Each structure stands twice: as structure tokens, then as C-alpha cells.
Amino acid sequence: MESIIGMSNSTKEVGASKGSWGDPMFKVAAKNFPKDSLKRDETPMTGVEFGISQKISLTNKYGVIEDSFRELSKSYEFEAGDLKRRLTRSLWEILILKRKTNEEREILKENLLWLEKILKVSKKLYVNGKTSQQAILEIQIRKSEVEIQLNSREFELLKIKNGLKYLLGEKFSRIKEGTIPWHILNKENKESKDFKELSLQSKVQAKDLALSAANKDYIPDITFSLGYTKRSDIDGRGDFVGASVSFPLPFSGDKYSKKGSAVFEKYTAKKEFENYEKKKNRDSEILKYEISKAEKDLFILNSKMIKFAKNSRAITSKSYGLGNSSYLELLQSELKLQNILILKSDLLSKRDSFKVALKYTLGEKLSE
């Protein structure tokens, strides 16, 4: 962000330079000194000329050029604002991933405790001859699988911690869960400020002004000069004064090429802005659809599937303890509940990620 702000300030200063008429030129010239003697009192034309000249624009071209660079500088400022929003969005993505990983870790911990209890039950059933050694081995294998999954989540949390350190620095990387303003994701904000859109708008205006300046450049600048020649006055006519006006003749292709370049640059900036507007509308509609879909899926999970899966595992566990269900049915009910709970966490994570993306796309606030 500081780099982009520096670019903005630099562009503004370049505009001030390009929009200037330039410094006046001071000239001292030795005129018509005899080549043999180099004396200044032998001819009436010999003297020392002091002159000053200044380039003058006949149009407001340079003011338009400065305005063009000023708009380009604003474009960089808005780009810095957009980068800040993208970094905030990245922070939300990390926090959502952290919450999801913590939820999955708790699901796996609970499942591991349940498997340990079932393993004790299985050993008792084995002693009483109501189950096989194969059942105990399969439950132990399943327990090891859950332990591996749990270990994977622990390492994932370490990676997330490093991501927070990179984004926020060591001092601010330890964010307390209770301080995260999750309500922002559900809060409608009518005031929006899309810095990306504003940046592209400023770029279009800058290129439009640059084209206007290129058109005005067909009227050439003039250089006005004044001169005062100090003579020896051997003819009694005193010192001489002089004035001149000069301007370039536009015979080369320089001005035509500059205008052509400005036309294409304006066209490119305009099309980039138009494409962004279309993409913004498309993306926002897709994100709204994805949010709606995720919320409907979560409703089905919360109101039906999770309750059914918990009841199924509880019934199968009781039946297994009585020796009426097989270990395959037991493990199947356990795995199904775990997958459904992890699916819920994943859907919740996706829904909130879609909400963050939608707020970013619409230019809504991502922080308090």
C-alpha cells in the first residue's frame, strides 16, 4: 500500500512537471567580433547580446496535461484503497478457515472419545464371545484414521497461525475468537465504495484528458525572445534591442503518433472499465445464488440430517452393545455422522466466504 501511495505522489509530481511551460532561457552571446583582432570597437556591429526567451502555449494544453496526471494519481490512490480491502478480505478468509479447522478438530475429538468407548465395549463383547477379534481390529484402525485426521487439523492450525503473522505481524496475529465481528457478514450496508471501480473511472478520465491535450498539441507553442546588445557605439547609434517569435512546423509524424497513441489508450481504459462493470454484475449475482444455495443446504442439515445421523449412531451403538448390530453397521453410522458434521462446517465456511466476496465485490464495508 505504501508503495502504491508513493507511486501516486510520484505521478502527481510528474504531472506538475509536464504541465509546466518550462524555465525561461537566459542567453549571453558575443556577436560579430573580428576574427583577427577580436576587438569590440572596430565595427559598429560588434557587441555582446543579453537575451531572455520563454516558451508560451497558445492553448491550455499544459493545464490539461497536469489534470490528466492528477486523475492518474487519484487512480493509484483508489488502487491502494482496493488493496487494503483485498487484504481485509484475505484476513476474513483466514479467520473463516481457522474457525472451520477448529470446528473439524472438535468434531474429530468428540468422535475419538466415542470410538474409545466403543473399543472398550468391543473388548467386553469379545470376552463374552459376542464379537470377533476382527471387529476390534477394524475399530482400532478407524480410531487411528481419526487420530491422523486430528493431527492433520493441528498442523493446519499452525499454518493458519503463520498466515496471520505474515498478514498482521507478530504483535497482532493472536486474535481472540470473541472479538471477531462475525455480525458484519450479515449486516446490509447501503453505502458502498468500490475502490477498484473508482480507480478505473479515474484512469478513463486521465486518458480522456490526455487525448484532449494531444488534440490541443496541434497548435504549436511559441517561443518569445527579447535581446539587448551592448555595443562600443563607434557610429553613435547606441545599443541595439531585438525581439523574435519562433514556433515549430508540424511536418513530422510526432504529434499524429501521440494523438493515435492517446486514442488507443483511452479506448483500452474505457473497455477495461466496461468489462469490470459487467464482471461485477455477473459475479455479484453468482455469489448471491451461492449464498442462497449454501443457506438452504445448511437448513436441511441442521433440521434433518444431523439429527437423523446422531439418532442412527446412538441406536446402532446401543444395539451393538447388546450384540444385535455388527461392527460394520456401527462404523458406518459413526463415519456418516462425522462426514455430515464436517459437511456442515464446510458449508458454513463456504457461505461466509461467499458473503465476504460479495461485500468486497459490491464495495461494502468489511470492518467496523
Protein backbone atom coordinates (compact mmCIF):
# COMPACT_ATOMS: atom_id res chain seq x y z
CA MET A 1 0.00 0.00 0.00
CA GLU A 2 2.80 2.41 0.85
CA SER A 3 4.45 1.56 -2.47
CA ILE A 4 1.26 2.42 -4.39
CA ILE A 5 0.79 5.67 -2.41
CA GLY A 6 4.39 6.53 -3.31
CA MET A 7 3.58 5.89 -6.97
CA SER A 8 0.53 8.17 -6.65
CA ASN A 9 2.61 11.01 -5.19
CA SER A 10 5.30 10.50 -7.83
CA THR A 11 2.70 10.64 -10.63
CA LYS A 12 1.30 13.88 -9.21
CA GLU A 13 4.76 15.45 -9.24
CA VAL A 14 5.38 14.24 -12.81
CA GLY A 15 2.10 15.94 -13.77
CA ALA A 16 3.27 19.21 -12.21
CA SER A 17 6.47 18.93 -14.26
CA LYS A 18 4.74 18.01 -17.53
CA GLY A 19 2.16 20.78 -17.01
CA SER A 20 4.79 23.49 -16.70
CA TRP A 21 5.78 25.85 -19.51
CA GLY A 22 9.38 25.34 -18.53
CA ASP A 23 12.01 27.73 -17.25
CA PRO A 24 12.83 30.93 -19.17
CA MET A 25 16.17 30.81 -21.03
CA PHE A 26 18.85 33.44 -20.48
CA LYS A 27 21.44 33.93 -23.21
CA VAL A 28 24.77 35.80 -23.46
CA ALA A 29 26.23 35.97 -26.97
CA ALA A 30 29.37 37.62 -28.39
CA LYS A 31 28.34 38.98 -31.82
CA ASN A 32 30.36 39.96 -34.85
CA PHE A 33 33.85 40.17 -33.29
CA PRO A 34 36.59 40.47 -35.98
CA LYS A 35 38.28 37.10 -36.22
CA ASP A 36 41.78 38.57 -36.45
CA SER A 37 41.73 41.03 -33.57
CA LEU A 38 38.63 40.04 -31.56
CA LYS A 39 38.27 43.71 -30.61
CA ARG A 40 34.80 45.07 -29.82
CA ASP A 41 35.42 48.65 -31.05
CA GLU A 42 36.42 48.06 -34.67
CA THR A 43 32.99 47.60 -36.30
CA PRO A 44 29.55 49.04 -35.47
CA MET A 45 28.02 45.54 -35.49
CA THR A 46 30.23 44.14 -32.75
CA GLY A 47 28.69 43.76 -29.30
CA VAL A 48 27.62 41.47 -26.50
CA GLU A 49 23.96 40.43 -26.58
CA PHE A 50 21.99 39.61 -23.47
CA GLY A 51 18.76 37.79 -24.21
CA ILE A 52 15.87 36.06 -22.49
CA SER A 53 13.31 33.74 -24.04
CA GLN A 54 10.22 31.89 -22.81
CA LYS A 55 8.07 29.14 -24.31
CA ILE A 56 4.40 30.17 -24.31
CA SER A 57 1.42 27.93 -25.01
CA LEU A 58 -1.44 29.35 -27.05
CA THR A 59 -3.87 26.83 -25.50
CA ASN A 60 -4.50 25.40 -22.03
CA LYS A 61 -2.73 22.19 -23.11
CA TYR A 62 -0.35 22.09 -20.17
CA GLY A 63 -3.13 22.58 -17.64
CA VAL A 64 -4.99 19.65 -19.24
CA ILE A 65 -1.83 17.53 -19.08
CA GLU A 66 -1.46 18.30 -15.37
CA ASP A 67 -5.14 17.41 -14.81
CA SER A 68 -4.57 14.12 -16.64
CA PHE A 69 -1.70 13.17 -14.34
CA ARG A 70 -3.74 14.28 -11.32
CA GLU A 71 -6.51 11.86 -12.31
CA LEU A 72 -3.92 9.13 -12.83
CA SER A 73 -2.57 9.89 -9.35
CA LYS A 74 -6.11 9.51 -7.95
CA SER A 75 -6.35 6.19 -9.75
CA TYR A 76 -3.31 4.96 -7.81
CA GLU A 77 -4.83 6.25 -4.55
CA PHE A 78 -8.01 4.27 -5.21
CA GLU A 79 -5.87 1.26 -6.12
CA ALA A 80 -4.24 1.49 -2.69
CA GLY A 81 -7.71 1.59 -1.12
CA ASP A 82 -8.68 -1.51 -3.10
CA LEU A 83 -5.51 -3.28 -1.93
CA LYS A 84 -6.46 -2.51 1.68
CA ARG A 85 -9.90 -4.06 1.07
CA ARG A 86 -8.31 -7.11 -0.56
CA LEU A 87 -6.03 -7.55 2.45
CA THR A 88 -9.06 -7.27 4.75
CA ARG A 89 -10.81 -9.87 2.61
CA SER A 90 -7.74 -12.12 2.94
CA LEU A 91 -7.91 -11.72 6.72
CA TRP A 92 -11.56 -12.79 6.69
CA GLU A 93 -10.69 -15.83 4.57
CA ILE A 94 -8.01 -16.88 7.06
CA LEU A 95 -10.35 -16.38 10.03
CA ILE A 96 -13.10 -18.39 8.33
CA LEU A 97 -10.62 -21.18 7.59
CA LYS A 98 -9.39 -21.08 11.19
CA ARG A 99 -12.95 -21.38 12.52
CA LYS A 100 -13.66 -24.27 10.14
CA THR A 101 -10.48 -26.10 11.15
CA ASN A 102 -11.25 -25.62 14.85
CA GLU A 103 -14.77 -26.97 14.33
CA GLU A 104 -13.45 -30.01 12.49
CA ARG A 105 -10.89 -30.58 15.24
CA GLU A 106 -13.65 -30.59 17.86
CA ILE A 107 -15.76 -32.97 15.76
CA LEU A 108 -12.81 -35.36 15.46
CA LYS A 109 -12.01 -35.10 19.19
CA GLU A 110 -15.58 -35.99 20.08
CA ASN A 111 -15.55 -38.85 17.61
CA LEU A 112 -12.25 -40.12 19.01
CA LEU A 113 -13.71 -40.23 22.53
CA TRP A 114 -16.73 -42.11 21.20
CA LEU A 115 -14.51 -44.66 19.42
CA GLU A 116 -12.51 -45.20 22.62
CA LYS A 117 -15.74 -46.01 24.48
CA ILE A 118 -16.86 -48.34 21.68
CA LEU A 119 -13.46 -50.04 21.77
CA LYS A 120 -13.94 -50.81 25.48
CA VAL A 121 -17.41 -52.18 24.76
CA SER A 122 -15.99 -54.31 21.92
CA LYS A 123 -13.36 -55.81 24.18
CA LYS A 124 -16.04 -56.81 26.69
CA LEU A 125 -18.15 -58.30 23.90
CA TYR A 126 -15.10 -60.20 22.64
CA VAL A 127 -14.50 -61.67 26.11
CA ASN A 128 -18.15 -62.78 26.19
CA GLY A 129 -17.83 -64.22 22.68
CA LYS A 130 -20.37 -61.82 21.17
CA THR A 131 -17.97 -60.22 18.66
CA SER A 132 -14.84 -61.17 16.76
CA GLN A 133 -11.24 -60.04 17.01
CA GLN A 134 -11.70 -58.62 13.51
CA ALA A 135 -14.25 -56.15 14.90
CA ILE A 136 -11.74 -54.90 17.49
CA LEU A 137 -9.04 -54.53 14.83
CA GLU A 138 -11.37 -52.62 12.49
CA ILE A 139 -12.40 -50.22 15.28
CA GLN A 140 -8.73 -49.70 16.20
CA ILE A 141 -7.92 -48.97 12.55
CA ARG A 142 -10.79 -46.50 12.40
CA LYS A 143 -9.55 -44.87 15.63
CA SER A 144 -6.07 -44.49 14.07
CA GLU A 145 -7.61 -42.88 10.98
CA VAL A 146 -9.38 -40.30 13.15
CA GLU A 147 -6.13 -39.63 15.04
CA ILE A 148 -4.36 -38.95 11.72
CA GLN A 149 -7.17 -36.59 10.67
CA LEU A 150 -6.95 -34.82 14.01
CA ASN A 151 -3.19 -34.46 13.69
CA SER A 152 -3.67 -33.02 10.21
CA ARG A 153 -6.00 -30.33 11.61
CA GLU A 154 -3.44 -29.42 14.29
CA PHE A 155 -0.78 -28.80 11.62
CA GLU A 156 -3.32 -26.87 9.54
CA LEU A 157 -3.89 -24.54 12.50
CA LEU A 158 -0.13 -23.92 12.72
CA LYS A 159 -0.09 -22.94 9.03
CA ILE A 160 -3.02 -20.59 9.63
CA LYS A 161 -1.15 -19.02 12.53
CA ASN A 162 1.82 -18.34 10.25
CA GLY A 163 -0.54 -16.83 7.67
CA LEU A 164 -1.87 -14.43 10.31
CA LYS A 165 1.69 -13.49 11.31
CA TYR A 166 2.55 -12.64 7.70
CA LEU A 167 -0.61 -10.57 7.22
CA LEU A 168 -0.76 -8.79 10.59
CA GLY A 169 2.69 -9.14 12.14
CA GLU A 170 3.63 -10.97 15.31
CA LYS A 171 2.07 -8.35 17.61
CA PHE A 172 -1.47 -8.57 16.18
CA SER A 173 -1.58 -12.20 14.99
CA ARG A 174 -3.19 -13.59 18.17
CA ILE A 175 -6.82 -12.72 17.54
CA LYS A 176 -9.31 -13.69 20.24
CA GLU A 177 -12.29 -15.58 18.83
CA GLY A 178 -14.75 -13.44 20.83
CA THR A 179 -13.52 -10.22 19.23
CA ILE A 180 -14.17 -11.27 15.61
CA PRO A 181 -17.16 -9.21 14.32
CA TRP A 182 -19.00 -12.02 12.51
CA HIS A 183 -22.18 -9.90 12.50
CA ILE A 184 -20.65 -7.72 9.78
CA LEU A 185 -21.17 -10.54 7.29
CA ASN A 186 -24.93 -10.46 7.90
CA LYS A 187 -25.21 -6.69 8.03
CA GLU A 188 -26.62 -4.93 4.98
CA ASN A 189 -24.72 -1.80 4.07
CA LYS A 190 -26.35 0.59 1.62
CA GLU A 191 -23.26 2.81 1.50
CA SER A 192 -20.67 1.30 -0.80
CA LYS A 193 -17.32 2.42 -2.14
CA ASP A 194 -15.76 0.20 -4.78
CA PHE A 195 -12.18 1.45 -4.96
CA LYS A 196 -11.41 -0.76 -7.96
CA GLU A 197 -14.27 0.82 -9.87
CA LEU A 198 -13.21 4.32 -8.83
CA SER A 199 -9.62 3.57 -9.89
CA LEU A 200 -10.73 2.50 -13.36
CA GLN A 201 -13.01 5.55 -13.66
CA SER A 202 -10.13 7.88 -12.82
CA LYS A 203 -7.96 6.07 -15.35
CA VAL A 204 -10.59 6.62 -18.06
CA GLN A 205 -10.80 10.33 -17.17
CA ALA A 206 -6.99 10.59 -17.21
CA LYS A 207 -6.80 9.07 -20.69
CA ASP A 208 -9.64 11.29 -21.90
CA LEU A 209 -7.74 14.38 -20.72
CA ALA A 210 -4.55 13.05 -22.31
CA LEU A 211 -6.39 12.76 -25.63
CA SER A 212 -7.71 16.32 -25.25
CA ALA A 213 -4.14 17.52 -24.63
CA ALA A 214 -2.94 15.64 -27.73
CA ASN A 215 -5.58 17.40 -29.84
CA LYS A 216 -4.53 20.80 -28.47
CA ASP A 217 -0.90 19.93 -29.26
CA TYR A 218 -1.62 20.54 -32.96
CA ILE A 219 -1.50 24.25 -32.13
CA PRO A 220 2.25 24.73 -31.61
CA ASP A 221 3.88 26.54 -28.71
CA ILE A 222 5.65 29.78 -29.50
CA THR A 223 8.99 30.88 -28.10
CA PHE A 224 9.18 34.64 -27.49
CA SER A 225 12.64 36.17 -27.13
CA LEU A 226 13.96 39.61 -26.17
CA GLY A 227 17.58 40.70 -26.70
CA TYR A 228 19.76 43.63 -25.67
CA THR A 229 23.12 44.10 -27.45
CA LYS A 230 25.77 46.15 -25.70
CA ARG A 231 27.98 47.92 -28.35
CA SER A 232 31.04 50.20 -28.36
CA ASP A 233 28.89 52.89 -30.07
CA ILE A 234 31.51 53.92 -32.66
CA ASP A 235 28.69 55.02 -35.01
CA GLY A 236 26.79 56.97 -32.37
CA ARG A 237 23.69 54.78 -32.62
CA GLY A 238 23.85 53.36 -29.10
CA ASP A 239 22.98 49.82 -28.09
CA PHE A 240 20.66 47.53 -30.04
CA VAL A 241 17.50 45.75 -28.88
CA GLY A 242 15.73 42.90 -30.61
CA ALA A 243 12.76 40.55 -30.33
CA SER A 244 11.77 37.32 -32.05
CA VAL A 245 8.97 34.77 -32.14
CA SER A 246 9.57 31.16 -33.22
CA PHE A 247 7.41 28.04 -33.40
CA PRO A 248 7.82 24.53 -34.81
CA LEU A 249 6.20 23.49 -38.07
CA PRO A 250 4.20 20.25 -37.60
CA PHE A 251 5.59 18.38 -40.60
CA SER A 252 6.82 15.29 -38.74
CA GLY A 253 4.64 12.43 -37.56
CA ASP A 254 5.34 13.11 -33.87
CA LYS A 255 2.07 14.87 -33.00
CA TYR A 256 -0.02 12.47 -35.09
CA SER A 257 1.57 9.46 -33.39
CA LYS A 258 0.98 10.95 -29.94
CA LYS A 259 -2.68 11.50 -30.74
CA GLY A 260 -3.04 8.00 -32.15
CA SER A 261 -1.47 6.55 -29.01
CA ALA A 262 -3.79 8.64 -26.80
CA VAL A 263 -6.85 7.42 -28.75
CA PHE A 264 -5.95 3.76 -28.25
CA GLU A 265 -5.05 4.27 -24.58
CA LYS A 266 -8.44 5.89 -23.93
CA TYR A 267 -10.21 3.07 -25.80
CA THR A 268 -8.33 0.45 -23.75
CA ALA A 269 -9.11 2.16 -20.42
CA LYS A 270 -12.78 2.57 -21.35
CA LYS A 271 -13.16 -1.08 -22.39
CA GLU A 272 -11.39 -2.23 -19.23
CA PHE A 273 -13.87 -0.22 -17.15
CA GLU A 274 -16.88 -1.52 -19.10
CA ASN A 275 -15.66 -5.10 -18.73
CA TYR A 276 -15.21 -4.61 -14.98
CA GLU A 277 -18.79 -3.33 -14.66
CA LYS A 278 -20.14 -6.39 -16.49
CA LYS A 279 -17.96 -8.75 -14.47
CA LYS A 280 -19.02 -7.06 -11.21
CA ASN A 281 -22.72 -7.54 -12.02
CA ARG A 282 -22.16 -11.15 -13.07
CA ASP A 283 -20.05 -12.03 -10.02
CA SER A 284 -22.47 -10.43 -7.57
CA GLU A 285 -25.42 -12.39 -9.00
CA ILE A 286 -23.46 -15.68 -8.88
CA LEU A 287 -22.36 -15.01 -5.28
CA LYS A 288 -25.95 -14.26 -4.20
CA TYR A 289 -27.02 -17.58 -5.73
CA GLU A 290 -24.19 -19.46 -3.99
CA ILE A 291 -25.09 -17.88 -0.62
CA SER A 292 -28.75 -18.84 -1.06
CA LYS A 293 -27.83 -22.40 -2.02
CA ALA A 294 -25.45 -22.81 0.95
CA GLU A 295 -28.09 -21.50 3.38
CA LYS A 296 -30.72 -23.93 2.07
CA ASP A 297 -28.27 -26.82 2.37
CA LEU A 298 -27.41 -25.76 5.93
CA PHE A 299 -31.10 -25.62 6.83
CA ILE A 300 -31.59 -29.20 5.62
CA LEU A 301 -28.50 -30.36 7.53
CA ASN A 302 -29.49 -28.62 10.77
CA SER A 303 -33.18 -29.50 10.70
CA LYS A 304 -32.95 -33.09 9.46
CA MET A 305 -29.72 -34.81 8.55
CA ILE A 306 -27.66 -34.13 11.70
CA LYS A 307 -30.50 -35.16 13.98
CA PHE A 308 -31.12 -38.34 11.99
CA ALA A 309 -27.41 -39.22 11.88
CA LYS A 310 -26.98 -38.71 15.64
CA ASN A 311 -30.02 -40.84 16.39
CA SER A 312 -28.77 -43.52 13.98
CA ARG A 313 -25.36 -43.68 15.69
CA ALA A 314 -26.94 -43.75 19.16
CA ILE A 315 -29.36 -46.56 18.22
CA THR A 316 -26.65 -48.58 16.44
CA SER A 317 -24.29 -48.12 19.43
CA LYS A 318 -26.91 -49.41 21.84
CA SER A 319 -27.77 -52.30 19.57
CA TYR A 320 -24.06 -53.13 19.14
CA GLY A 321 -23.58 -53.12 22.91
CA LEU A 322 -26.35 -55.71 23.15
CA GLY A 323 -24.73 -57.77 20.40
CA ASN A 324 -27.55 -57.16 17.89
CA SER A 325 -25.64 -55.00 15.36
CA SER A 326 -22.40 -55.70 13.54
CA TYR A 327 -19.28 -53.56 13.84
CA LEU A 328 -19.65 -52.65 10.15
CA GLU A 329 -23.06 -51.09 10.82
CA LEU A 330 -21.58 -49.31 13.82
CA LEU A 331 -18.62 -47.85 11.92
CA GLN A 332 -20.87 -46.90 9.04
CA SER A 333 -23.15 -44.86 11.34
CA GLU A 334 -20.12 -43.26 13.00
CA LEU A 335 -18.50 -42.29 9.70
CA LYS A 336 -21.76 -40.94 8.31
CA LEU A 337 -22.28 -38.63 11.30
CA GLN A 338 -18.70 -37.39 11.14
CA ASN A 339 -18.98 -36.65 7.42
CA ILE A 340 -22.28 -34.79 7.89
CA LEU A 341 -20.87 -32.65 10.71
CA ILE A 342 -17.76 -31.82 8.65
CA LEU A 343 -20.01 -31.07 5.67
CA LYS A 344 -21.93 -28.59 7.85
CA SER A 345 -18.69 -26.87 8.86
CA ASP A 346 -17.57 -26.77 5.22
CA LEU A 347 -20.91 -25.30 4.05
CA LEU A 348 -20.80 -22.67 6.80
CA SER A 349 -17.26 -21.76 5.74
CA LYS A 350 -18.22 -21.53 2.06
CA ARG A 351 -21.31 -19.44 2.82
CA ASP A 352 -19.34 -16.90 4.84
CA SER A 353 -16.57 -16.82 2.22
CA PHE A 354 -19.23 -16.04 -0.41
CA LYS A 355 -20.58 -13.27 1.84
CA VAL A 356 -17.12 -11.72 2.21
CA ALA A 357 -16.58 -11.95 -1.56
CA LEU A 358 -19.97 -10.33 -2.23
CA LYS A 359 -19.28 -7.45 0.16
CA TYR A 360 -15.89 -6.91 -1.47
CA THR A 361 -17.43 -7.02 -4.97
CA LEU A 362 -20.17 -4.51 -4.06
CA GLY A 363 -17.75 -2.22 -2.22
CA GLU A 364 -19.45 -2.72 1.15
CA LYS A 365 -17.64 -2.37 4.48
CA LEU A 366 -15.58 -5.35 5.63
CA SER A 367 -14.67 -3.89 9.02
CA GLU A 368 -16.22 -1.73 11.72
